[in-house]
Amino acid sequence: MKIAILLETNFSGGGSFTHSINACLNIKKHFKLDEVVVYTHIQQNFEILKKLKIPSVLFSLSLFDKILLKLSVNKFFRCLTGLLNLKTSLEDLLINNKTDLCYFPVLSNTVFTFKNIKFVSTFLDLEHFKHSIFPEISKKEFFKRENLYFYSLKKSIVITVSHKIIKQRVSSHYKIPKNKILIIPYTPSGLFKSNKNLKLIKKKFTHIKNYFFYPAQIWGHKNHISILKAAKILENEGHNINFIFSGRDRGYKGYLENYIKSNNLKNIFFTGFLHSEEMDYVYKNSKGVIFTSLFGPDAIPPLEAWNYKKPLIYNNRLEDDVTKGTAILVDVKNPNAISKAVISIIYGRYNKKFISNGTKKLNSIKSNSRKSYIQLSKKLNDVINSFNDKSN
């Protein structure tokens, strides 16, 4: 069995990149080394893969490939390219390398171009249904995703999801048999570690003390605004507490900066994209992790908070792995509730068992993830063997 993992997410792509790299590391760990090769068209990704000693191939997209990728979204054009047997250079490369199937850590339009390569899909979430709430999910984006999902999920050999709630929703909405969907829980990043750059990193962040960390790109649905309103409450009460926001601006930072300026807030720090060593430092030196996202149900930062043994402020929806006793659960739309949670951590007025409970929960998740990847390996072996038997 020879598997290609397609890493198309940019290295600065936040949670989707973290998940993709974790998938590469876990598949490398639980599958035979000669079975797995990661393909990417992004040079920085290729450099990261080399550092992690993951077998990888850097490929390039020709003008023809880009045209094929763009037009294959259309059903009529897909049929036409099928009749003419037009394939991308990537698919030719995979076939020439005797690849049995391609694993998508994040689904993309590349699946529309595949003619002969079988594939495994990863379904991240169903949050595009909130298109009427957040500008980053427009109606156009909603239909784009639905087109991708309805096409690819039915053609997938296996579909992986991170949580049982997502499995239920995918099965129900897209009419997918449940035995085709495998739950593989998210795990913390395998990248974060400080090294020889530690002195430079300390110098960069030495002026920020007594801070909470929100590791999230600047989207509307990440709900940074609730933290800003909580920060204003804390400032009015005379508390000197800072907040670090990491991640790239996705079009929402200007709105936040206007609020900061009009309320004369001095305790908010935008870092932009953080490299793995910087993430490690900021996590280690934070007072706690705060995660106010309105999307879900699953996310990686809570797992990282537990990994660093930091108190966590999280939403009270109780839809995912964050349960009672593992975090301070609040209504993340309520700035007063957030500010009170922050104060309880700063002054040590929270239940310290949250930390140990979070560690236990994380260990359980890691164990389940290992079992799931072993199950995936067996499942894919069986599927490929059955295809080979039919072709003989």
Protein backbone atom coordinates (compact mmCIF):
# COMPACT_ATOMS: atom_id res chain seq x y z
CA MET A 1 0.00 0.00 0.00
CA LYS A 2 1.49 3.31 -1.11
CA ILE A 3 -0.17 6.47 0.20
CA ALA A 4 0.28 10.08 -0.88
CA ILE A 5 -0.65 12.84 1.57
CA LEU A 6 -1.50 16.07 -0.21
CA LEU A 7 -0.39 19.09 1.86
CA GLU A 8 -1.91 22.13 0.14
CA THR A 9 -2.51 24.33 3.20
CA ASN A 10 -0.02 27.16 3.59
CA PHE A 11 2.33 26.93 6.62
CA SER A 12 0.72 30.10 8.02
CA GLY A 13 -2.77 28.61 7.72
CA GLY A 14 -3.50 28.24 11.43
CA GLY A 15 -5.43 25.21 12.69
CA SER A 16 -5.84 23.60 9.28
CA PHE A 17 -2.06 23.52 8.81
CA THR A 18 -1.49 22.23 12.36
CA HIS A 19 -4.01 19.45 11.72
CA SER A 20 -2.39 18.63 8.37
CA ILE A 21 1.11 18.34 9.85
CA ASN A 22 -0.21 16.25 12.75
CA ALA A 23 -1.89 13.93 10.23
CA CYS A 24 1.42 13.59 8.34
CA LEU A 25 3.29 12.78 11.57
CA ASN A 26 0.68 10.30 12.77
CA ILE A 27 0.36 8.49 9.45
CA LYS A 28 4.14 8.29 9.21
CA LYS A 29 4.18 6.82 12.73
CA HIS A 30 1.44 4.24 12.29
CA PHE A 31 2.00 3.24 8.65
CA LYS A 32 5.13 1.68 7.18
CA LEU A 33 7.71 4.34 6.21
CA ASP A 34 7.95 3.19 2.59
CA GLU A 35 4.19 3.54 2.24
CA VAL A 36 3.82 7.26 2.92
CA VAL A 37 5.01 10.25 0.90
CA VAL A 38 3.79 13.83 1.38
CA TYR A 39 3.30 15.96 -1.75
CA THR A 40 3.24 19.76 -1.57
CA HIS A 41 3.59 22.61 -4.03
CA ILE A 42 4.62 25.10 -1.30
CA GLN A 43 8.37 25.52 -0.71
CA GLN A 44 8.05 26.48 2.99
CA ASN A 45 5.93 23.38 3.63
CA PHE A 46 8.57 21.26 1.93
CA GLU A 47 11.28 22.72 4.21
CA ILE A 48 9.18 21.97 7.31
CA LEU A 49 8.59 18.39 6.14
CA LYS A 50 12.31 17.90 5.61
CA LYS A 51 13.05 19.11 9.16
CA LEU A 52 10.48 16.64 10.47
CA LYS A 53 12.12 13.87 8.39
CA ILE A 54 8.89 13.10 6.59
CA PRO A 55 9.40 11.69 3.06
CA SER A 56 8.14 14.40 0.74
CA VAL A 57 7.99 15.61 -2.85
CA LEU A 58 7.86 19.23 -3.97
CA PHE A 59 5.82 19.54 -7.16
CA SER A 60 4.86 22.55 -9.23
CA LEU A 61 1.57 23.53 -10.84
CA SER A 62 1.75 24.30 -14.54
CA LEU A 63 -0.55 26.80 -16.22
CA PHE A 64 -2.51 23.85 -17.63
CA ASP A 65 -2.88 22.41 -14.09
CA LYS A 66 -4.21 25.72 -12.78
CA ILE A 67 -6.73 25.99 -15.62
CA LEU A 68 -7.83 22.38 -15.05
CA LEU A 69 -8.20 23.02 -11.30
CA LYS A 70 -10.30 26.11 -11.88
CA LEU A 71 -12.60 24.64 -14.54
CA SER A 72 -13.04 21.16 -13.04
CA VAL A 73 -15.32 22.62 -10.37
CA ASN A 74 -17.93 22.73 -13.15
CA LYS A 75 -19.70 19.41 -13.72
CA PHE A 76 -19.90 19.81 -17.52
CA PHE A 77 -16.17 20.53 -17.77
CA ARG A 78 -15.38 17.52 -15.52
CA CYS A 79 -17.33 15.28 -17.86
CA LEU A 80 -15.50 16.75 -20.84
CA THR A 81 -12.04 16.28 -19.29
CA GLY A 82 -13.09 12.75 -18.33
CA LEU A 83 -13.95 11.90 -21.93
CA LEU A 84 -10.65 13.39 -23.10
CA ASN A 85 -8.79 11.78 -20.15
CA LEU A 86 -7.11 15.11 -19.28
CA LYS A 87 -5.16 14.81 -16.05
CA THR A 88 -3.07 17.20 -13.96
CA SER A 89 0.69 16.67 -13.75
CA LEU A 90 0.14 15.82 -10.06
CA GLU A 91 -2.11 12.88 -10.89
CA ASP A 92 0.35 11.68 -13.55
CA LEU A 93 3.11 11.93 -10.94
CA LEU A 94 1.09 9.92 -8.40
CA ILE A 95 0.29 7.25 -10.99
CA ASN A 96 3.92 7.03 -12.13
CA ASN A 97 4.94 6.59 -8.49
CA LYS A 98 2.46 3.70 -8.19
CA THR A 99 0.33 5.49 -5.58
CA ASP A 100 -2.65 3.49 -4.31
CA LEU A 101 -4.55 6.42 -2.88
CA CYS A 102 -4.28 10.06 -1.85
CA TYR A 103 -5.08 11.34 1.65
CA PHE A 104 -6.50 14.87 1.97
CA PRO A 105 -5.91 16.37 5.47
CA VAL A 106 -7.98 19.31 4.16
CA LEU A 107 -10.36 18.84 1.25
CA SER A 108 -9.67 20.94 -1.83
CA ASN A 109 -10.72 21.38 -5.46
CA THR A 110 -7.93 18.99 -6.45
CA VAL A 111 -10.39 16.12 -5.93
CA PHE A 112 -12.42 17.41 -8.91
CA THR A 113 -9.43 16.78 -11.20
CA PHE A 114 -8.68 13.18 -10.15
CA LYS A 115 -9.59 10.64 -12.82
CA ASN A 116 -7.95 7.44 -11.55
CA ILE A 117 -6.57 8.16 -8.08
CA LYS A 118 -8.73 7.02 -5.18
CA PHE A 119 -8.74 9.25 -2.12
CA VAL A 120 -9.49 9.66 1.58
CA SER A 121 -11.24 12.88 2.64
CA THR A 122 -11.05 14.83 5.88
CA PHE A 123 -14.16 16.78 6.83
CA LEU A 124 -13.33 19.60 9.24
CA ASP A 125 -16.70 21.16 10.14
CA LEU A 126 -20.14 22.25 8.98
CA GLU A 127 -19.74 25.89 9.93
CA HIS A 128 -20.40 27.12 6.40
CA PHE A 129 -24.09 26.80 7.33
CA LYS A 130 -23.59 29.99 9.38
CA HIS A 131 -23.13 31.99 6.16
CA SER A 132 -25.83 34.46 7.12
CA ILE A 133 -23.97 35.42 10.32
CA PHE A 134 -20.34 35.99 9.35
CA PRO A 135 -19.05 37.82 6.26
CA GLU A 136 -16.20 35.34 5.72
CA ILE A 137 -18.80 32.68 4.92
CA SER A 138 -20.77 34.25 2.08
CA LYS A 139 -23.58 32.52 0.20
CA LYS A 140 -21.11 32.02 -2.64
CA GLU A 141 -18.70 30.30 -0.23
CA PHE A 142 -21.57 28.19 1.12
CA PHE A 143 -22.48 26.84 -2.33
CA LYS A 144 -18.80 26.39 -3.21
CA ARG A 145 -18.29 24.17 -0.15
CA GLU A 146 -21.51 22.26 -0.67
CA ASN A 147 -20.48 21.50 -4.26
CA LEU A 148 -17.11 20.23 -3.04
CA TYR A 149 -18.54 18.15 -0.20
CA PHE A 150 -21.43 16.53 -2.08
CA TYR A 151 -19.04 15.54 -4.86
CA SER A 152 -16.04 14.37 -2.85
CA LEU A 153 -17.59 12.66 0.18
CA LYS A 154 -19.56 10.15 -1.88
CA LYS A 155 -16.45 9.31 -3.93
CA SER A 156 -14.15 8.98 -0.90
CA ILE A 157 -12.87 5.58 0.14
CA VAL A 158 -12.95 6.71 3.78
CA ILE A 159 -13.93 10.02 5.43
CA THR A 160 -12.17 11.13 8.60
CA VAL A 161 -13.71 13.57 11.11
CA SER A 162 -12.53 14.75 14.52
CA HIS A 163 -15.65 14.21 16.62
CA LYS A 164 -18.78 12.04 16.84
CA ILE A 165 -21.04 15.10 16.47
CA ILE A 166 -19.44 15.91 13.12
CA LYS A 167 -19.81 12.27 12.06
CA GLN A 168 -23.53 12.37 12.83
CA ARG A 169 -24.05 15.63 10.94
CA VAL A 170 -22.03 14.55 7.90
CA SER A 171 -23.85 11.23 7.69
CA SER A 172 -27.24 12.91 7.99
CA HIS A 173 -26.75 15.89 5.66
CA TYR A 174 -24.66 14.28 2.92
CA LYS A 175 -26.33 10.84 3.15
CA ILE A 176 -23.07 9.03 3.89
CA PRO A 177 -23.11 5.56 5.54
CA LYS A 178 -21.71 5.83 9.07
CA ASN A 179 -19.36 2.88 8.55
CA LYS A 180 -17.55 4.95 5.91
CA ILE A 181 -16.75 7.71 8.45
CA LEU A 182 -13.88 7.26 10.90
CA ILE A 183 -13.40 9.50 13.94
CA ILE A 184 -9.77 10.56 14.44
CA PRO A 185 -9.50 13.12 17.26
CA TYR A 186 -7.36 16.22 16.86
CA THR A 187 -4.09 16.27 18.79
CA PRO A 188 -1.82 19.18 19.87
CA SER A 189 0.80 20.47 17.48
CA GLY A 190 3.92 18.39 17.13
CA LEU A 191 5.88 21.45 16.04
CA PHE A 192 6.10 23.77 19.03
CA LYS A 193 9.52 23.79 20.69
CA SER A 194 12.03 26.47 21.61
CA ASN A 195 15.58 26.25 20.29
CA LYS A 196 18.63 28.44 19.58
CA ASN A 197 16.34 31.42 18.80
CA LEU A 198 15.16 31.63 22.42
CA LYS A 199 17.14 34.82 23.23
CA LEU A 200 15.67 36.64 20.24
CA ILE A 201 12.17 35.45 21.11
CA LYS A 202 12.53 36.61 24.72
CA LYS A 203 13.65 40.02 23.49
CA LYS A 204 10.65 40.24 21.17
CA PHE A 205 8.08 39.51 23.89
CA THR A 206 9.85 40.80 27.03
CA HIS A 207 7.66 43.94 27.17
CA ILE A 208 4.42 41.91 27.45
CA LYS A 209 3.72 40.68 30.97
CA ASN A 210 0.74 39.19 32.76
CA TYR A 211 -1.05 38.12 29.56
CA PHE A 212 -3.66 35.72 28.25
CA PHE A 213 -3.13 34.08 24.89
CA TYR A 214 -5.71 33.70 22.12
CA PRO A 215 -4.16 31.63 19.29
CA ALA A 216 -6.50 32.29 16.36
CA GLN A 217 -6.46 33.98 12.98
CA ILE A 218 -8.37 37.27 12.83
CA TRP A 219 -11.72 36.12 11.46
CA GLY A 220 -15.10 37.52 12.54
CA HIS A 221 -16.24 34.14 13.86
CA LYS A 222 -13.25 33.97 16.21
CA ASN A 223 -15.08 36.57 18.29
CA HIS A 224 -12.07 38.63 19.43
CA ILE A 225 -14.50 41.49 20.05
CA SER A 226 -15.84 39.81 23.20
CA ILE A 227 -12.29 39.70 24.60
CA LEU A 228 -11.78 43.41 23.78
CA LYS A 229 -14.99 44.28 25.64
CA ALA A 230 -13.83 42.14 28.57
CA ALA A 231 -10.44 43.89 28.44
CA LYS A 232 -12.21 47.26 28.70
CA ILE A 233 -14.13 46.07 31.76
CA LEU A 234 -10.89 44.88 33.39
CA GLU A 235 -9.14 48.14 32.60
CA ASN A 236 -12.02 50.15 34.08
CA GLU A 237 -11.75 48.04 37.24
CA GLY A 238 -8.05 48.91 37.53
CA HIS A 239 -6.56 45.53 36.54
CA ASN A 240 -3.36 45.47 34.50
CA ILE A 241 -3.96 42.37 32.34
CA ASN A 242 -2.78 41.96 28.74
CA PHE A 243 -4.01 39.89 25.82
CA ILE A 244 -1.98 38.49 22.93
CA PHE A 245 -3.75 37.77 19.65
CA SER A 246 -1.74 35.70 17.18
CA GLY A 247 -2.56 34.74 13.62
CA ARG A 248 -2.97 36.44 10.27
CA ASP A 249 -5.51 39.17 9.57
CA ARG A 250 -8.38 37.65 7.61
CA GLY A 251 -10.16 40.96 7.03
CA TYR A 252 -11.43 41.65 10.53
CA LYS A 253 -8.46 43.32 12.22
CA GLY A 254 -9.46 46.84 11.12
CA TYR A 255 -12.78 46.50 12.97
CA LEU A 256 -10.95 45.41 16.13
CA GLU A 257 -8.41 48.22 15.84
CA ASN A 258 -11.22 50.77 15.55
CA TYR A 259 -12.69 49.45 18.80
CA ILE A 260 -9.27 49.52 20.49
CA LYS A 261 -8.68 53.11 19.35
CA SER A 262 -12.12 54.42 20.28
CA ASN A 263 -11.87 52.82 23.74
CA ASN A 264 -8.20 53.76 24.23
CA LEU A 265 -7.23 50.18 25.10
CA LYS A 266 -3.52 49.76 25.85
CA ASN A 267 -3.44 46.06 26.76
CA ILE A 268 -3.97 44.34 23.38
CA PHE A 269 -1.05 42.97 21.33
CA PHE A 270 -1.34 41.62 17.78
CA THR A 271 1.63 39.43 16.85
CA GLY A 272 0.62 38.25 13.39
CA PHE A 273 1.77 34.79 12.35
CA LEU A 274 3.95 33.12 14.98
CA HIS A 275 6.59 30.53 14.12
CA SER A 276 6.60 27.32 16.14
CA GLU A 277 9.36 28.49 18.54
CA GLU A 278 7.45 31.72 19.21
CA MET A 279 4.20 29.81 19.82
CA ASP A 280 6.02 27.63 22.33
CA TYR A 281 7.36 30.65 24.21
CA VAL A 282 4.05 32.55 24.24
CA TYR A 283 2.12 29.48 25.44
CA LYS A 284 4.66 28.71 28.20
CA ASN A 285 4.67 32.24 29.59
CA SER A 286 0.94 32.96 29.43
CA LYS A 287 -1.32 33.15 32.47
CA GLY A 288 -3.91 31.18 30.59
CA VAL A 289 -5.43 30.40 27.20
CA ILE A 290 -8.67 31.97 26.06
CA PHE A 291 -10.72 30.64 23.15
CA THR A 292 -13.89 32.53 22.27
CA SER A 293 -14.57 31.15 18.77
CA LEU A 294 -18.21 30.85 17.75
CA PHE A 295 -17.42 28.00 15.32
CA GLY A 296 -16.85 24.42 16.30
CA PRO A 297 -17.52 21.98 17.67
CA ASP A 298 -13.84 21.02 17.74
CA ALA A 299 -10.56 22.97 17.96
CA ILE A 300 -6.85 22.37 18.60
CA PRO A 301 -5.93 25.29 20.99
CA PRO A 302 -7.79 23.78 23.99
CA LEU A 303 -5.68 20.63 23.57
CA GLU A 304 -2.56 22.78 23.50
CA ALA A 305 -3.68 24.59 26.65
CA TRP A 306 -3.92 21.22 28.40
CA ASN A 307 -0.59 20.18 26.91
CA TYR A 308 1.06 23.26 28.44
CA LYS A 309 -0.91 22.80 31.68
CA LYS A 310 -2.48 26.24 31.37
CA PRO A 311 -5.96 27.20 32.66
CA LEU A 312 -8.42 27.46 29.80
CA ILE A 313 -11.39 29.80 29.26
CA TYR A 314 -13.77 28.21 26.76
CA ASN A 315 -17.36 28.25 25.53
CA ASN A 316 -20.06 26.56 27.60
CA ARG A 317 -21.78 24.76 24.70
CA LEU A 318 -20.39 21.38 25.85
CA GLU A 319 -20.34 20.06 22.29
CA ASP A 320 -16.80 18.73 22.11
CA ASP A 321 -13.88 17.39 24.16
CA VAL A 322 -13.89 20.37 26.53
CA THR A 323 -16.20 19.23 29.31
CA LYS A 324 -17.10 20.37 32.82
CA GLY A 325 -14.07 20.25 35.07
CA THR A 326 -11.50 20.71 32.29
CA ALA A 327 -11.89 24.47 31.74
CA ILE A 328 -13.67 27.58 32.98
CA LEU A 329 -16.78 27.47 30.81
CA VAL A 330 -18.49 30.76 29.95
CA ASP A 331 -20.89 32.32 27.50
CA VAL A 332 -18.25 33.61 25.06
CA LYS A 333 -20.63 36.33 23.86
CA ASN A 334 -20.74 37.77 27.39
CA PRO A 335 -17.76 40.09 28.14
CA ASN A 336 -18.67 40.25 31.84
CA ALA A 337 -18.45 36.46 32.12
CA ILE A 338 -15.09 36.47 30.29
CA SER A 339 -13.67 39.23 32.53
CA LYS A 340 -14.72 37.34 35.67
CA ALA A 341 -13.07 34.17 34.36
CA VAL A 342 -9.85 36.10 33.68
CA ILE A 343 -9.88 37.53 37.22
CA SER A 344 -10.44 34.09 38.75
CA ILE A 345 -7.28 32.83 37.01
CA ILE A 346 -5.12 35.88 37.78
CA TYR A 347 -5.95 35.68 41.49
CA GLY A 348 -5.95 31.86 41.69
CA ARG A 349 -9.66 31.61 42.48
CA TYR A 350 -10.40 28.77 40.06
CA ASN A 351 -10.49 25.03 40.67
CA LYS A 352 -6.89 23.80 40.21
CA LYS A 353 -8.24 20.36 39.28
CA PHE A 354 -9.05 21.87 35.86
CA ILE A 355 -5.37 21.48 34.99
CA SER A 356 -5.02 17.81 36.01
CA ASN A 357 -8.44 16.99 34.53
CA GLY A 358 -7.37 18.58 31.25
CA THR A 359 -4.15 16.54 31.25
CA LYS A 360 -6.11 13.32 31.79
CA LYS A 361 -8.53 14.28 29.04
CA LEU A 362 -5.67 15.00 26.65
CA ASN A 363 -4.00 11.65 27.40
CA SER A 364 -7.29 9.91 26.63
CA ILE A 365 -7.64 11.84 23.35
CA LYS A 366 -4.07 10.96 22.30
CA SER A 367 -4.74 7.29 23.05
CA ASN A 368 -7.94 7.34 21.00
CA SER A 369 -6.13 9.09 18.16
CA ARG A 370 -3.42 6.38 18.07
CA LYS A 371 -6.06 3.65 17.98
CA SER A 372 -7.92 5.48 15.19
CA TYR A 373 -4.82 5.77 12.98
CA ILE A 374 -4.12 2.06 13.46
CA GLN A 375 -7.75 1.37 12.52
CA LEU A 376 -7.37 3.61 9.46
CA SER A 377 -4.27 1.71 8.36
CA LYS A 378 -6.10 -1.62 8.57
CA LYS A 379 -9.18 -0.23 6.84
CA LEU A 380 -7.19 1.19 3.93
CA ASN A 381 -5.21 -2.03 3.55
CA ASP A 382 -8.45 -4.00 3.32
CA VAL A 383 -9.95 -1.58 0.80
CA ILE A 384 -6.86 -1.56 -1.43
CA ASN A 385 -6.56 -5.36 -1.29
CA SER A 386 -10.20 -5.68 -2.34
CA PHE A 387 -9.59 -3.35 -5.31
CA ASN A 388 -6.51 -5.34 -6.29
CA ASP A 389 -8.46 -8.62 -6.07
CA LYS A 390 -11.15 -7.21 -8.39
CA SER A 391 -8.60 -6.02 -10.92
CA ASN A 392 -6.83 -9.44 -11.05
